Amino acid sequence: MMNHLPEKPLPVTPPSGQSSPPMNALAKEQMTTREIYNVVSDTATGVNIRKSDNLVQAAFILLTVLAGAGLGATLAEFNDWGLPWFGGALIGAFAGLVLGLFASGIFLMVYRAMRHIKGKHD
């Protein structure tokens, strides 16, 4: 015999003689399936499916790749490394990609941790 759990948690009823807790306290205890997934994907494992987070990370990585490519091309052109400008641009773009990936990931990690501490699991 299989035990099926309800989709939403049942409200907590206080013991007899006590007043019921305020509605916002009950609402904070009940989380949607999406919020539960967000908590698990942010704290344990999983793919972040928030469109806003992915767009922020993509924009930040694009900016660091462009900045790294420009800096690498400039350094290769004005130094005696024997490297053509496009070689410096490729090395700089790769460095910008790595830097942007780590920096935006760390930013989102801290931002989402602060949101979870406040109880916002959007």
PDB file of N, CA and C in Angstrom:
ATOM      1  N   MET A   1       0.840  -1.171   0.000  1.00  0.00           N
ATOM      2  CA  MET A   1       0.000   0.000   0.000  1.00  0.00           C
ATOM      3  C   MET A   1       0.881   1.228   0.000  1.00  0.00           C
ATOM      4  N   MET A   2       0.664   2.126  -0.956  1.00  0.00           N
ATOM      5  CA  MET A   2       1.494   3.322  -1.100  1.00  0.00           C
ATOM      6  C   MET A   2       0.899   4.472  -0.305  1.00  0.00           C
ATOM      7  N   ASN A   3       1.761   5.221   0.327  1.00  0.00           N
ATOM      8  CA  ASN A   3       1.339   6.383   1.098  1.00  0.00           C
ATOM      9  C   ASN A   3       1.572   7.625   0.251  1.00  0.00           C
ATOM     10  N   HIS A   4       0.528   8.356  -0.087  1.00  0.00           N
ATOM     11  CA  HIS A   4       0.643   9.557  -0.898  1.00  0.00           C
ATOM     12  C   HIS A   4       0.593  10.774   0.013  1.00  0.00           C
ATOM     13  N   LEU A   5       1.587  11.632  -0.118  1.00  0.00           N
ATOM     14  CA  LEU A   5       1.622  12.854   0.668  1.00  0.00           C
ATOM     15  C   LEU A   5       0.838  13.943  -0.055  1.00  0.00           C
ATOM     16  N   PRO A   6       0.200  14.839   0.697  1.00  0.00           N
ATOM     17  CA  PRO A   6      -0.529  15.932   0.037  1.00  0.00           C
ATOM     18  C   PRO A   6       0.439  16.856  -0.671  1.00  0.00           C
ATOM     19  N   GLU A   7      -0.055  17.515  -1.730  1.00  0.00           N
ATOM     20  CA  GLU A   7       0.765  18.431  -2.529  1.00  0.00           C
ATOM     21  C   GLU A   7       1.222  19.629  -1.687  1.00  0.00           C
ATOM     22  N   LYS A   8       0.317  20.204  -0.894  1.00  0.00           N
ATOM     23  CA  LYS A   8       0.665  21.328  -0.026  1.00  0.00           C
ATOM     24  C   LYS A   8       0.586  20.851   1.425  1.00  0.00           C
ATOM     25  N   PRO A   9       1.493  21.345   2.286  1.00  0.00           N
ATOM     26  CA  PRO A   9       1.422  20.930   3.677  1.00  0.00           C
ATOM     27  C   PRO A   9       0.135  21.426   4.325  1.00  0.00           C
ATOM     28  N   LEU A  10      -0.367  20.641   5.247  1.00  0.00           N
ATOM     29  CA  LEU A  10      -1.581  21.012   5.958  1.00  0.00           C
ATOM     30  C   LEU A  10      -1.256  22.063   7.006  1.00  0.00           C
ATOM     31  N   PRO A  11      -2.176  23.000   7.271  1.00  0.00           N
ATOM     32  CA  PRO A  11      -1.902  24.006   8.293  1.00  0.00           C
ATOM     33  C   PRO A  11      -1.778  23.360   9.670  1.00  0.00           C
ATOM     34  N   VAL A  12      -0.921  23.954  10.474  1.00  0.00           N
ATOM     35  CA  VAL A  12      -0.695  23.443  11.823  1.00  0.00           C
ATOM     36  C   VAL A  12      -1.814  23.947  12.714  1.00  0.00           C
ATOM     37  N   THR A  13      -2.451  23.040  13.434  1.00  0.00           N
ATOM     38  CA  THR A  13      -3.502  23.449  14.368  1.00  0.00           C
ATOM     39  C   THR A  13      -2.900  23.516  15.757  1.00  0.00           C
ATOM     40  N   PRO A  14      -3.116  24.624  16.472  1.00  0.00           N
ATOM     41  CA  PRO A  14      -2.535  24.763  17.808  1.00  0.00           C
ATOM     42  C   PRO A  14      -3.260  23.860  18.806  1.00  0.00           C
ATOM     43  N   PRO A  15      -2.587  23.492  19.897  1.00  0.00           N
ATOM     44  CA  PRO A  15      -3.256  22.704  20.932  1.00  0.00           C
ATOM     45  C   PRO A  15      -4.452  23.466  21.482  1.00  0.00           C
ATOM     46  N   SER A  16      -5.395  22.728  22.064  1.00  0.00           N
ATOM     47  CA  SER A  16      -6.613  23.371  22.552  1.00  0.00           C
ATOM     48  C   SER A  16      -6.276  24.396  23.636  1.00  0.00           C
ATOM     49  N   GLY A  17      -7.004  25.494  23.597  1.00  0.00           N
ATOM     50  CA  GLY A  17      -6.803  26.548  24.572  1.00  0.00           C
ATOM     51  C   GLY A  17      -5.812  27.613  24.121  1.00  0.00           C
ATOM     52  N   GLN A  18      -5.138  27.400  22.982  1.00  0.00           N
ATOM     53  CA  GLN A  18      -4.195  28.403  22.494  1.00  0.00           C
ATOM     54  C   GLN A  18      -4.748  29.044  21.233  1.00  0.00           C
ATOM     55  N   SER A  19      -4.352  30.284  21.007  1.00  0.00           N
ATOM     56  CA  SER A  19      -4.813  30.960  19.799  1.00  0.00           C
ATOM     57  C   SER A  19      -4.019  30.464  18.598  1.00  0.00           C
ATOM     58  N   SER A  20      -4.620  30.597  17.449  1.00  0.00           N
ATOM     59  CA  SER A  20      -3.947  30.140  16.236  1.00  0.00           C
ATOM     60  C   SER A  20      -2.842  31.118  15.866  1.00  0.00           C
ATOM     61  N   PRO A  21      -1.757  30.610  15.213  1.00  0.00           N
ATOM     62  CA  PRO A  21      -0.672  31.510  14.808  1.00  0.00           C
ATOM     63  C   PRO A  21      -1.139  32.439  13.701  1.00  0.00           C
ATOM     64  N   PRO A  22      -0.484  33.582  13.539  1.00  0.00           N
ATOM     65  CA  PRO A  22      -0.896  34.504  12.471  1.00  0.00           C
ATOM     66  C   PRO A  22      -0.743  33.865  11.099  1.00  0.00           C
ATOM     67  N   MET A  23      -1.523  34.357  10.151  1.00  0.00           N
ATOM     68  CA  MET A  23      -1.525  33.779   8.808  1.00  0.00           C
ATOM     69  C   MET A  23      -0.160  33.875   8.134  1.00  0.00           C
ATOM     70  N   ASN A  24       0.576  34.973   8.339  1.00  0.00           N
ATOM     71  CA  ASN A  24       1.857  35.085   7.662  1.00  0.00           C
ATOM     72  C   ASN A  24       2.862  34.072   8.196  1.00  0.00           C
ATOM     73  N   ALA A  25       2.736  33.642   9.460  1.00  0.00           N
ATOM     74  CA  ALA A  25       3.622  32.603   9.990  1.00  0.00           C
ATOM     75  C   ALA A  25       3.343  31.272   9.307  1.00  0.00           C
ATOM     76  N   LEU A  26       2.069  30.977   9.052  1.00  0.00           N
ATOM     77  CA  LEU A  26       1.735  29.740   8.332  1.00  0.00           C
ATOM     78  C   LEU A  26       2.197  29.815   6.887  1.00  0.00           C
ATOM     79  N   ALA A  27       2.058  30.983   6.270  1.00  0.00           N
ATOM     80  CA  ALA A  27       2.462  31.129   4.873  1.00  0.00           C
ATOM     81  C   ALA A  27       3.968  30.957   4.722  1.00  0.00           C
ATOM     82  N   LYS A  28       4.741  31.384   5.702  1.00  0.00           N
ATOM     83  CA  LYS A  28       6.191  31.227   5.626  1.00  0.00           C
ATOM     84  C   LYS A  28       6.605  29.772   5.731  1.00  0.00           C
ATOM     85  N   GLU A  29       5.829  28.962   6.452  1.00  0.00           N
ATOM     86  CA  GLU A  29       6.168  27.553   6.609  1.00  0.00           C
ATOM     87  C   GLU A  29       5.858  26.751   5.355  1.00  0.00           C
ATOM     88  N   GLN A  30       4.913  27.207   4.561  1.00  0.00           N
ATOM     89  CA  GLN A  30       4.513  26.476   3.365  1.00  0.00           C
ATOM     90  C   GLN A  30       5.285  26.989   2.167  1.00  0.00           C
ATOM     91  N   MET A  31       5.997  26.087   1.513  1.00  0.00           N
ATOM     92  CA  MET A  31       6.793  26.463   0.346  1.00  0.00           C
ATOM     93  C   MET A  31       6.254  25.741  -0.871  1.00  0.00           C
ATOM     94  N   THR A  32       6.321  26.408  -2.004  1.00  0.00           N
ATOM     95  CA  THR A  32       5.903  25.782  -3.246  1.00  0.00           C
ATOM     96  C   THR A  32       6.992  24.825  -3.723  1.00  0.00           C
ATOM     97  N   THR A  33       6.643  24.009  -4.678  1.00  0.00           N
ATOM     98  CA  THR A  33       7.607  23.065  -5.240  1.00  0.00           C
ATOM     99  C   THR A  33       8.774  23.809  -5.876  1.00  0.00           C
ATOM    100  N   ARG A  34       8.519  24.924  -6.536  1.00  0.00           N
ATOM    101  CA  ARG A  34       9.567  25.725  -7.163  1.00  0.00           C
ATOM    102  C   ARG A  34      10.534  26.283  -6.117  1.00  0.00           C
ATOM    103  N   GLU A  35       9.985  26.773  -4.996  1.00  0.00           N
ATOM    104  CA  GLU A  35      10.841  27.303  -3.937  1.00  0.00           C
ATOM    105  C   GLU A  35      11.714  26.211  -3.334  1.00  0.00           C
ATOM    106  N   ILE A  36      11.164  25.019  -3.156  1.00  0.00           N
ATOM    107  CA  ILE A  36      11.935  23.897  -2.628  1.00  0.00           C
ATOM    108  C   ILE A  36      13.056  23.543  -3.597  1.00  0.00           C
ATOM    109  N   TYR A  37      12.759  23.518  -4.891  1.00  0.00           N
ATOM    110  CA  TYR A  37      13.803  23.239  -5.886  1.00  0.00           C
ATOM    111  C   TYR A  37      14.890  24.303  -5.835  1.00  0.00           C
ATOM    112  N   ASN A  38      14.498  25.576  -5.701  1.00  0.00           N
ATOM    113  CA  ASN A  38      15.482  26.653  -5.648  1.00  0.00           C
ATOM    114  C   ASN A  38      16.390  26.516  -4.436  1.00  0.00           C
ATOM    115  N   VAL A  39      15.828  26.147  -3.296  1.00  0.00           N
ATOM    116  CA  VAL A  39      16.646  25.964  -2.094  1.00  0.00           C
ATOM    117  C   VAL A  39      17.634  24.827  -2.299  1.00  0.00           C
ATOM    118  N   VAL A  40      17.179  23.712  -2.836  1.00  0.00           N
ATOM    119  CA  VAL A  40      18.061  22.560  -3.041  1.00  0.00           C
ATOM    120  C   VAL A  40      19.125  22.876  -4.085  1.00  0.00           C
ATOM    121  N   SER A  41      18.740  23.507  -5.189  1.00  0.00           N
ATOM    122  CA  SER A  41      19.720  23.802  -6.232  1.00  0.00           C
ATOM    123  C   SER A  41      20.722  24.861  -5.784  1.00  0.00           C
ATOM    124  N   ASP A  42      20.344  25.751  -4.883  1.00  0.00           N
ATOM    125  CA  ASP A  42      21.261  26.776  -4.399  1.00  0.00           C
ATOM    126  C   ASP A  42      22.179  26.264  -3.298  1.00  0.00           C
ATOM    127  N   THR A  43      21.716  25.304  -2.502  1.00  0.00           N
ATOM    128  CA  THR A  43      22.502  24.882  -1.350  1.00  0.00           C
ATOM    129  C   THR A  43      23.172  23.530  -1.524  1.00  0.00           C
ATOM    130  N   ALA A  44      22.627  22.633  -2.301  1.00  0.00           N
ATOM    131  CA  ALA A  44      23.198  21.286  -2.411  1.00  0.00           C
ATOM    132  C   ALA A  44      23.685  21.013  -3.830  1.00  0.00           C
ATOM    133  N   THR A  45      22.772  20.736  -4.717  1.00  0.00           N
ATOM    134  CA  THR A  45      23.142  20.430  -6.093  1.00  0.00           C
ATOM    135  C   THR A  45      21.963  20.704  -7.012  1.00  0.00           C
ATOM    136  N   GLY A  46      22.254  20.934  -8.247  1.00  0.00           N
ATOM    137  CA  GLY A  46      21.196  21.161  -9.215  1.00  0.00           C
ATOM    138  C   GLY A  46      21.508  22.328 -10.120  1.00  0.00           C
ATOM    139  N   VAL A  47      20.680  22.494 -11.126  1.00  0.00           N
ATOM    140  CA  VAL A  47      20.854  23.549 -12.116  1.00  0.00           C
ATOM    141  C   VAL A  47      20.009  24.749 -11.707  1.00  0.00           C
ATOM    142  N   ASN A  48      20.611  25.925 -11.740  1.00  0.00           N
ATOM    143  CA  ASN A  48      19.879  27.149 -11.459  1.00  0.00           C
ATOM    144  C   ASN A  48      19.053  27.490 -12.691  1.00  0.00           C
ATOM    145  N   ILE A  49      17.734  27.472 -12.560  1.00  0.00           N
ATOM    146  CA  ILE A  49      16.859  27.719 -13.703  1.00  0.00           C
ATOM    147  C   ILE A  49      16.231  29.105 -13.669  1.00  0.00           C
ATOM    148  N   ARG A  50      16.742  29.976 -12.786  1.00  0.00           N
ATOM    149  CA  ARG A  50      16.217  31.341 -12.745  1.00  0.00           C
ATOM    150  C   ARG A  50      16.742  32.116 -13.956  1.00  0.00           C
ATOM    151  N   LYS A  51      15.837  32.647 -14.740  1.00  0.00           N
ATOM    152  CA  LYS A  51      16.212  33.377 -15.948  1.00  0.00           C
ATOM    153  C   LYS A  51      17.016  34.623 -15.601  1.00  0.00           C
ATOM    154  N   SER A  52      16.633  35.316 -14.539  1.00  0.00           N
ATOM    155  CA  SER A  52      17.332  36.544 -14.166  1.00  0.00           C
ATOM    156  C   SER A  52      18.781  36.263 -13.779  1.00  0.00           C
ATOM    157  N   ASP A  53      19.021  35.210 -13.018  1.00  0.00           N
ATOM    158  CA  ASP A  53      20.393  34.865 -12.629  1.00  0.00           C
ATOM    159  C   ASP A  53      21.230  34.505 -13.847  1.00  0.00           C
ATOM    160  N   ASN A  54      20.656  33.750 -14.747  1.00  0.00           N
ATOM    161  CA  ASN A  54      21.392  33.335 -15.939  1.00  0.00           C
ATOM    162  C   ASN A  54      21.709  34.520 -16.849  1.00  0.00           C
ATOM    163  N   LEU A  55      20.796  35.481 -16.957  1.00  0.00           N
ATOM    164  CA  LEU A  55      21.053  36.669 -17.774  1.00  0.00           C
ATOM    165  C   LEU A  55      22.125  37.558 -17.146  1.00  0.00           C
ATOM    166  N   VAL A  56      22.099  37.701 -15.817  1.00  0.00           N
ATOM    167  CA  VAL A  56      23.128  38.479 -15.128  1.00  0.00           C
ATOM    168  C   VAL A  56      24.492  37.840 -15.343  1.00  0.00           C
ATOM    169  N   GLN A  57      24.561  36.522 -15.194  1.00  0.00           N
ATOM    170  CA  GLN A  57      25.840  35.840 -15.358  1.00  0.00           C
ATOM    171  C   GLN A  57      26.327  35.938 -16.808  1.00  0.00           C
ATOM    172  N   ALA A  58      25.448  35.783 -17.757  1.00  0.00           N
ATOM    173  CA  ALA A  58      25.844  35.871 -19.168  1.00  0.00           C
ATOM    174  C   ALA A  58      26.350  37.270 -19.520  1.00  0.00           C
ATOM    175  N   ALA A  59      25.667  38.297 -19.040  1.00  0.00           N
ATOM    176  CA  ALA A  59      26.085  39.667 -19.323  1.00  0.00           C
ATOM    177  C   ALA A  59      27.440  39.964 -18.686  1.00  0.00           C
ATOM    178  N   PHE A  60      27.638  39.516 -17.454  1.00  0.00           N
ATOM    179  CA  PHE A  60      28.907  39.761 -16.781  1.00  0.00           C
ATOM    180  C   PHE A  60      30.056  39.042 -17.487  1.00  0.00           C
ATOM    181  N   ILE A  61      29.816  37.806 -17.901  1.00  0.00           N
ATOM    182  CA  ILE A  61      30.862  37.055 -18.610  1.00  0.00           C
ATOM    183  C   ILE A  61      31.167  37.717 -19.953  1.00  0.00           C
ATOM    184  N   LEU A  62      30.153  38.182 -20.668  1.00  0.00           N
ATOM    185  CA  LEU A  62      30.384  38.863 -21.940  1.00  0.00           C
ATOM    186  C   LEU A  62      31.251  40.111 -21.750  1.00  0.00           C
ATOM    187  N   LEU A  63      30.951  40.885 -20.722  1.00  0.00           N
ATOM    188  CA  LEU A  63      31.740  42.089 -20.462  1.00  0.00           C
ATOM    189  C   LEU A  63      33.190  41.754 -20.108  1.00  0.00           C
ATOM    190  N   THR A  64      33.406  40.739 -19.293  1.00  0.00           N
ATOM    191  CA  THR A  64      34.779  40.391 -18.920  1.00  0.00           C
ATOM    192  C   THR A  64      35.539  39.779 -20.091  1.00  0.00           C
ATOM    193  N   VAL A  65      34.856  39.052 -20.969  1.00  0.00           N
ATOM    194  CA  VAL A  65      35.523  38.508 -22.162  1.00  0.00           C
ATOM    195  C   VAL A  65      35.957  39.654 -23.080  1.00  0.00           C
ATOM    196  N   LEU A  66      35.082  40.616 -23.297  1.00  0.00           N
ATOM    197  CA  LEU A  66      35.430  41.762 -24.153  1.00  0.00           C
ATOM    198  C   LEU A  66      36.554  42.599 -23.545  1.00  0.00           C
ATOM    199  N   ALA A  67      36.475  42.834 -22.245  1.00  0.00           N
ATOM    200  CA  ALA A  67      37.531  43.606 -21.584  1.00  0.00           C
ATOM    201  C   ALA A  67      38.860  42.854 -21.620  1.00  0.00           C
ATOM    202  N   GLY A  68      38.815  41.553 -21.379  1.00  0.00           N
ATOM    203  CA  GLY A  68      40.036  40.753 -21.421  1.00  0.00           C
ATOM    204  C   GLY A  68      40.643  40.698 -22.809  1.00  0.00           C
ATOM    205  N   ALA A  69      39.802  40.577 -23.830  1.00  0.00           N
ATOM    206  CA  ALA A  69      40.301  40.554 -25.209  1.00  0.00           C
ATOM    207  C   ALA A  69      40.946  41.884 -25.575  1.00  0.00           C
ATOM    208  N   GLY A  70      40.324  42.986 -25.192  1.00  0.00           N
ATOM    209  CA  GLY A  70      40.898  44.299 -25.476  1.00  0.00           C
ATOM    210  C   GLY A  70      42.211  44.513 -24.748  1.00  0.00           C
ATOM    211  N   LEU A  71      42.258  44.126 -23.488  1.00  0.00           N
ATOM    212  CA  LEU A  71      43.480  44.275 -22.719  1.00  0.00           C
ATOM    213  C   LEU A  71      44.593  43.375 -23.259  1.00  0.00           C
ATOM    214  N   GLY A  72      44.237  42.136 -23.597  1.00  0.00           N
ATOM    215  CA  GLY A  72      45.232  41.214 -24.151  1.00  0.00           C
ATOM    216  C   GLY A  72      45.777  41.684 -25.482  1.00  0.00           C
ATOM    217  N   ALA A  73      44.927  42.193 -26.357  1.00  0.00           N
ATOM    218  CA  ALA A  73      45.381  42.698 -27.654  1.00  0.00           C
ATOM    219  C   ALA A  73      46.282  43.911 -27.474  1.00  0.00           C
ATOM    220  N   THR A  74      45.926  44.800 -26.564  1.00  0.00           N
ATOM    221  CA  THR A  74      46.739  45.990 -26.307  1.00  0.00           C
ATOM    222  C   THR A  74      48.106  45.616 -25.750  1.00  0.00           C
ATOM    223  N   LEU A  75      48.133  44.704 -24.781  1.00  0.00           N
ATOM    224  CA  LEU A  75      49.405  44.284 -24.199  1.00  0.00           C
ATOM    225  C   LEU A  75      50.282  43.564 -25.225  1.00  0.00           C
ATOM    226  N   ALA A  76      49.694  42.736 -26.064  1.00  0.00           N
ATOM    227  CA  ALA A  76      50.473  42.011 -27.074  1.00  0.00           C
ATOM    228  C   ALA A  76      51.040  42.965 -28.126  1.00  0.00           C
ATOM    229  N   GLU A  77      50.302  44.006 -28.443  1.00  0.00           N
ATOM    230  CA  GLU A  77      50.745  44.948 -29.473  1.00  0.00           C
ATOM    231  C   GLU A  77      51.886  45.844 -28.996  1.00  0.00           C
ATOM    232  N   PHE A  78      51.819  46.263 -27.733  1.00  0.00           N
ATOM    233  CA  PHE A  78      52.789  47.245 -27.246  1.00  0.00           C
ATOM    234  C   PHE A  78      53.943  46.648 -26.451  1.00  0.00           C
ATOM    235  N   ASN A  79      54.012  45.333 -26.313  1.00  0.00           N
ATOM    236  CA  ASN A  79      55.136  44.681 -25.644  1.00  0.00           C
ATOM    237  C   ASN A  79      55.927  43.862 -26.650  1.00  0.00           C
ATOM    238  N   ASP A  80      57.141  43.525 -26.304  1.00  0.00           N
ATOM    239  CA  ASP A  80      58.004  42.748 -27.196  1.00  0.00           C
ATOM    240  C   ASP A  80      57.896  41.255 -26.885  1.00  0.00           C
ATOM    241  N   TRP A  81      56.690  40.734 -26.915  1.00  0.00           N
ATOM    242  CA  TRP A  81      56.478  39.324 -26.607  1.00  0.00           C
ATOM    243  C   TRP A  81      56.583  38.452 -27.864  1.00  0.00           C
ATOM    244  N   GLY A  82      56.590  39.046 -29.018  1.00  0.00           N
ATOM    245  CA  GLY A  82      56.583  38.284 -30.260  1.00  0.00           C
ATOM    246  C   GLY A  82      55.236  37.618 -30.524  1.00  0.00           C
ATOM    247  N   LEU A  83      54.186  38.207 -29.967  1.00  0.00           N
ATOM    248  CA  LEU A  83      52.830  37.659 -30.075  1.00  0.00           C
ATOM    249  C   LEU A  83      51.986  38.624 -30.895  1.00  0.00           C
ATOM    250  N   PRO A  84      51.281  38.127 -31.929  1.00  0.00           N
ATOM    251  CA  PRO A  84      50.413  39.046 -32.688  1.00  0.00           C
ATOM    252  C   PRO A  84      49.255  39.542 -31.815  1.00  0.00           C
ATOM    253  N   TRP A  85      48.652  40.652 -32.231  1.00  0.00           N
ATOM    254  CA  TRP A  85      47.578  41.245 -31.435  1.00  0.00           C
ATOM    255  C   TRP A  85      46.431  40.287 -31.211  1.00  0.00           C
ATOM    256  N   PHE A  86      46.089  39.471 -32.234  1.00  0.00           N
ATOM    257  CA  PHE A  86      44.952  38.552 -32.080  1.00  0.00           C
ATOM    258  C   PHE A  86      45.292  37.396 -31.142  1.00  0.00           C
ATOM    259  N   GLY A  87      46.567  37.052 -31.012  1.00  0.00           N
ATOM    260  CA  GLY A  87      46.966  36.045 -30.027  1.00  0.00           C
ATOM    261  C   GLY A  87      46.763  36.564 -28.610  1.00  0.00           C
ATOM    262  N   GLY A  88      47.136  37.825 -28.401  1.00  0.00           N
ATOM    263  CA  GLY A  88      46.898  38.452 -27.100  1.00  0.00           C
ATOM    264  C   GLY A  88      45.412  38.587 -26.811  1.00  0.00           C
ATOM    265  N   ALA A  89      44.640  38.878 -27.867  1.00  0.00           N
ATOM    266  CA  ALA A  89      43.188  38.992 -27.687  1.00  0.00           C
ATOM    267  C   ALA A  89      42.582  37.646 -27.291  1.00  0.00           C
ATOM    268  N   LEU A  90      43.045  36.562 -27.899  1.00  0.00           N
ATOM    269  CA  LEU A  90      42.523  35.233 -27.548  1.00  0.00           C
ATOM    270  C   LEU A  90      42.888  34.844 -26.119  1.00  0.00           C
ATOM    271  N   ILE A  91      44.121  35.098 -25.737  1.00  0.00           N
ATOM    272  CA  ILE A  91      44.537  34.779 -24.367  1.00  0.00           C
ATOM    273  C   ILE A  91      43.771  35.647 -23.367  1.00  0.00           C
ATOM    274  N   GLY A  92      43.610  36.929 -23.673  1.00  0.00           N
ATOM    275  CA  GLY A  92      42.856  37.821 -22.795  1.00  0.00           C
ATOM    276  C   GLY A  92      41.386  37.448 -22.711  1.00  0.00           C
ATOM    277  N   ALA A  93      40.810  37.029 -23.830  1.00  0.00           N
ATOM    278  CA  ALA A  93      39.399  36.618 -23.828  1.00  0.00           C
ATOM    279  C   ALA A  93      39.200  35.383 -22.961  1.00  0.00           C
ATOM    280  N   PHE A  94      40.131  34.439 -23.049  1.00  0.00           N
ATOM    281  CA  PHE A  94      40.022  33.238 -22.213  1.00  0.00           C
ATOM    282  C   PHE A  94      40.168  33.595 -20.739  1.00  0.00           C
ATOM    283  N   ALA A  95      41.116  34.472 -20.429  1.00  0.00           N
ATOM    284  CA  ALA A  95      41.282  34.911 -19.040  1.00  0.00           C
ATOM    285  C   ALA A  95      40.027  35.634 -18.550  1.00  0.00           C
ATOM    286  N   GLY A  96      39.416  36.453 -19.408  1.00  0.00           N
ATOM    287  CA  GLY A  96      38.172  37.133 -19.049  1.00  0.00           C
ATOM    288  C   GLY A  96      37.024  36.161 -18.844  1.00  0.00           C
ATOM    289  N   LEU A  97      36.993  35.103 -19.649  1.00  0.00           N
ATOM    290  CA  LEU A  97      35.959  34.077 -19.495  1.00  0.00           C
ATOM    291  C   LEU A  97      36.061  33.393 -18.138  1.00  0.00           C
ATOM    292  N   VAL A  98      37.255  32.999 -17.763  1.00  0.00           N
ATOM    293  CA  VAL A  98      37.460  32.323 -16.480  1.00  0.00           C
ATOM    294  C   VAL A  98      37.160  33.270 -15.321  1.00  0.00           C
ATOM    295  N   LEU A  99      37.694  34.490 -15.409  1.00  0.00           N
ATOM    296  CA  LEU A  99      37.458  35.471 -14.353  1.00  0.00           C
ATOM    297  C   LEU A  99      35.968  35.797 -14.230  1.00  0.00           C
ATOM    298  N   GLY A 100      35.293  36.019 -15.354  1.00  0.00           N
ATOM    299  CA  GLY A 100      33.868  36.341 -15.328  1.00  0.00           C
ATOM    300  C   GLY A 100      33.016  35.212 -14.785  1.00  0.00           C
ATOM    301  N   LEU A 101      33.374  33.978 -15.135  1.00  0.00           N
ATOM    302  CA  LEU A 101      32.618  32.821 -14.632  1.00  0.00           C
ATOM    303  C   LEU A 101      32.724  32.721 -13.122  1.00  0.00           C
ATOM    304  N   PHE A 102      33.951  32.808 -12.606  1.00  0.00           N
ATOM    305  CA  PHE A 102      34.133  32.698 -11.157  1.00  0.00           C
ATOM    306  C   PHE A 102      33.549  33.895 -10.415  1.00  0.00           C
ATOM    307  N   ALA A 103      33.789  35.100 -10.906  1.00  0.00           N
ATOM    308  CA  ALA A 103      33.314  36.300 -10.208  1.00  0.00           C
ATOM    309  C   ALA A 103      31.785  36.360 -10.181  1.00  0.00           C
ATOM    310  N   SER A 104      31.141  36.083 -11.297  1.00  0.00           N
ATOM    311  CA  SER A 104      29.677  36.133 -11.309  1.00  0.00           C
ATOM    312  C   SER A 104      29.083  34.990 -10.498  1.00  0.00           C
ATOM    313  N   GLY A 105      29.728  33.830 -10.513  1.00  0.00           N
ATOM    314  CA  GLY A 105      29.248  32.707  -9.697  1.00  0.00           C
ATOM    315  C   GLY A 105      29.343  33.003  -8.217  1.00  0.00           C
ATOM    316  N   ILE A 106      30.450  33.614  -7.803  1.00  0.00           N
ATOM    317  CA  ILE A 106      30.607  33.967  -6.390  1.00  0.00           C
ATOM    318  C   ILE A 106      29.602  35.041  -5.993  1.00  0.00           C
ATOM    319  N   PHE A 107      29.389  36.028  -6.866  1.00  0.00           N
ATOM    320  CA  PHE A 107      28.394  37.060  -6.577  1.00  0.00           C
ATOM    321  C   PHE A 107      27.003  36.448  -6.406  1.00  0.00           C
ATOM    322  N   LEU A 108      26.600  35.578  -7.341  1.00  0.00           N
ATOM    323  CA  LEU A 108      25.277  34.966  -7.248  1.00  0.00           C
ATOM    324  C   LEU A 108      25.161  34.058  -6.029  1.00  0.00           C
ATOM    325  N   MET A 109      26.242  33.376  -5.665  1.00  0.00           N
ATOM    326  CA  MET A 109      26.227  32.520  -4.490  1.00  0.00           C
ATOM    327  C   MET A 109      25.947  33.344  -3.231  1.00  0.00           C
ATOM    328  N   VAL A 110      26.649  34.460  -3.076  1.00  0.00           N
ATOM    329  CA  VAL A 110      26.458  35.306  -1.897  1.00  0.00           C
ATOM    330  C   VAL A 110      25.069  35.948  -1.928  1.00  0.00           C
ATOM    331  N   TYR A 111      24.649  36.428  -3.099  1.00  0.00           N
ATOM    332  CA  TYR A 111      23.341  37.072  -3.228  1.00  0.00           C
ATOM    333  C   TYR A 111      22.212  36.105  -2.870  1.00  0.00           C
ATOM    334  N   ARG A 112      22.259  34.899  -3.405  1.00  0.00           N
ATOM    335  CA  ARG A 112      21.206  33.918  -3.117  1.00  0.00           C
ATOM    336  C   ARG A 112      21.243  33.450  -1.668  1.00  0.00           C
ATOM    337  N   ALA A 113      22.429  33.356  -1.068  1.00  0.00           N
ATOM    338  CA  ALA A 113      22.524  32.983   0.346  1.00  0.00           C
ATOM    339  C   ALA A 113      21.845  34.036   1.210  1.00  0.00           C
ATOM    340  N   MET A 114      22.067  35.307   0.894  1.00  0.00           N
ATOM    341  CA  MET A 114      21.432  36.379   1.664  1.00  0.00           C
ATOM    342  C   MET A 114      19.913  36.353   1.488  1.00  0.00           C
ATOM    343  N   ARG A 115      19.450  36.045   0.284  1.00  0.00           N
ATOM    344  CA  ARG A 115      18.000  35.958   0.050  1.00  0.00           C
ATOM    345  C   ARG A 115      17.388  34.785   0.821  1.00  0.00           C
ATOM    346  N   HIS A 116      18.093  33.644   0.872  1.00  0.00           N
ATOM    347  CA  HIS A 116      17.570  32.490   1.609  1.00  0.00           C
ATOM    348  C   HIS A 116      17.547  32.766   3.104  1.00  0.00           C
ATOM    349  N   ILE A 117      18.537  33.493   3.610  1.00  0.00           N
ATOM    350  CA  ILE A 117      18.551  33.837   5.039  1.00  0.00           C
ATOM    351  C   ILE A 117      17.338  34.689   5.382  1.00  0.00           C
ATOM    352  N   LYS A 118      16.945  35.560   4.462  1.00  0.00           N
ATOM    353  CA  LYS A 118      15.766  36.412   4.682  1.00  0.00           C
ATOM    354  C   LYS A 118      14.457  35.669   4.449  1.00  0.00           C
ATOM    355  N   GLY A 119      14.533  34.422   3.995  1.00  0.00           N
ATOM    356  CA  GLY A 119      13.324  33.630   3.759  1.00  0.00           C
ATOM    357  C   GLY A 119      12.708  33.812   2.390  1.00  0.00           C
ATOM    358  N   LYS A 120      13.430  34.438   1.485  1.00  0.00           N
ATOM    359  CA  LYS A 120      12.919  34.660   0.123  1.00  0.00           C
ATOM    360  C   LYS A 120      13.559  33.615  -0.787  1.00  0.00           C
ATOM    361  N   HIS A 121      12.780  32.652  -1.212  1.00  0.00           N
ATOM    362  CA  HIS A 121      13.280  31.533  -2.001  1.00  0.00           C
ATOM    363  C   HIS A 121      12.817  31.583  -3.447  1.00  0.00           C
ATOM    364  N   ASP A 122      12.607  32.784  -3.975  1.00  0.00           N
ATOM    365  CA  ASP A 122      12.078  32.960  -5.331  1.00  0.00           C
ATOM    366  C   ASP A 122      12.968  32.400  -6.393  1.00  0.00           C
TER     367      ASP A 122
END
